[in-house]
Amino acid sequence: MDIWQKIFLYLGAGLGAVMLIVAMIALGTAENGQLSVEGLQHLSGQMTSLYEVVRWFVYLWLISGIVLLVRFLMRVFGRR
């Protein structure tokens, strides 16, 4: 496993864990079993700042995925 595969794997797992925690926090604000916009209003500042941070990790994850895809396609079509 090279560095690009590790970056893709670990960043993907980390982003998935962050999204799971965010979903659990959002669902924890449900009142009477219903999730509403008004119930999430007090989290808007934290969610906005989290988005600004996570966005850059998603960009890195996409770049590593593109590098892996290009390498894979070069190997598949380069053997002719």
Protein backbone atom coordinates (compact mmCIF):
# COMPACT_ATOMS: atom_id res chain seq x y z
CA MET A 1 0.00 0.00 0.00
CA ASP A 2 1.56 3.26 -1.09
CA ILE A 3 1.05 6.77 0.29
CA TRP A 4 -1.83 7.67 -2.07
CA GLN A 5 -3.82 4.61 -1.05
CA LYS A 6 -3.23 5.33 2.64
CA ILE A 7 -4.31 8.97 2.23
CA PHE A 8 -7.45 7.90 0.39
CA LEU A 9 -8.29 5.16 2.89
CA TYR A 10 -7.62 7.07 6.10
CA LEU A 11 -9.15 10.36 4.96
CA GLY A 12 -12.25 8.51 3.76
CA ALA A 13 -12.58 6.71 7.08
CA GLY A 14 -12.01 9.94 9.01
CA LEU A 15 -14.56 11.87 6.95
CA GLY A 16 -17.07 9.08 7.42
CA ALA A 17 -16.53 9.15 11.18
CA VAL A 18 -16.96 12.93 11.29
CA MET A 19 -20.19 12.72 9.29
CA LEU A 20 -21.50 10.01 11.61
CA ILE A 21 -20.77 12.15 14.67
CA VAL A 22 -22.43 15.18 13.05
CA ALA A 23 -25.50 13.10 12.21
CA MET A 24 -25.69 11.82 15.78
CA ILE A 25 -25.41 15.37 17.15
CA ALA A 26 -28.12 16.59 14.78
CA LEU A 27 -30.42 13.68 15.64
CA GLY A 28 -29.78 14.30 19.32
CA THR A 29 -31.59 17.63 19.00
CA ALA A 30 -34.81 15.99 17.80
CA GLU A 31 -37.86 16.86 19.87
CA ASN A 32 -40.63 14.27 20.22
CA GLY A 33 -38.91 12.13 17.61
CA GLN A 34 -38.98 14.84 14.95
CA LEU A 35 -36.03 16.73 13.54
CA SER A 36 -36.81 20.31 12.54
CA VAL A 37 -34.96 23.30 11.21
CA GLU A 38 -35.88 25.26 14.31
CA GLY A 39 -34.33 22.54 16.47
CA LEU A 40 -31.05 22.79 14.55
CA GLN A 41 -30.97 26.61 14.50
CA HIS A 42 -28.64 26.86 17.50
CA LEU A 43 -26.05 24.63 15.76
CA SER A 44 -25.74 26.76 12.63
CA GLY A 45 -22.51 28.48 13.68
CA GLN A 46 -20.76 25.25 14.64
CA MET A 47 -21.93 23.45 11.50
CA THR A 48 -20.76 26.31 9.29
CA SER A 49 -17.29 26.32 10.83
CA LEU A 50 -17.12 22.52 10.63
CA TYR A 51 -18.02 22.73 6.94
CA GLU A 52 -15.23 25.24 6.31
CA VAL A 53 -12.66 22.90 7.90
CA VAL A 54 -13.94 19.60 6.48
CA ARG A 55 -14.17 21.07 2.97
CA TRP A 56 -10.36 21.13 2.62
CA PHE A 57 -10.06 17.51 3.76
CA VAL A 58 -12.66 16.52 1.18
CA TYR A 59 -10.62 18.28 -1.51
CA LEU A 60 -7.50 16.33 -0.46
CA TRP A 61 -9.51 13.10 -0.43
CA LEU A 62 -10.83 13.78 -3.96
CA ILE A 63 -7.34 14.59 -5.25
CA SER A 64 -5.95 11.34 -3.87
CA GLY A 65 -8.88 9.45 -5.42
CA ILE A 66 -8.22 11.05 -8.81
CA VAL A 67 -4.53 10.14 -8.57
CA LEU A 68 -5.45 6.54 -7.80
CA LEU A 69 -7.97 6.44 -10.65
CA VAL A 70 -5.47 7.86 -13.16
CA ARG A 71 -2.82 5.36 -12.03
CA PHE A 72 -5.31 2.51 -12.35
CA LEU A 73 -6.39 3.58 -15.83
CA MET A 74 -2.78 3.96 -16.95
CA ARG A 75 -2.04 0.43 -15.79
CA VAL A 76 -5.14 -1.04 -17.42
CA PHE A 77 -4.81 0.68 -20.77
CA GLY A 78 -1.01 0.85 -20.83
CA ARG A 79 -0.53 -2.92 -21.26
CA ARG A 80 -1.68 -3.11 -24.87
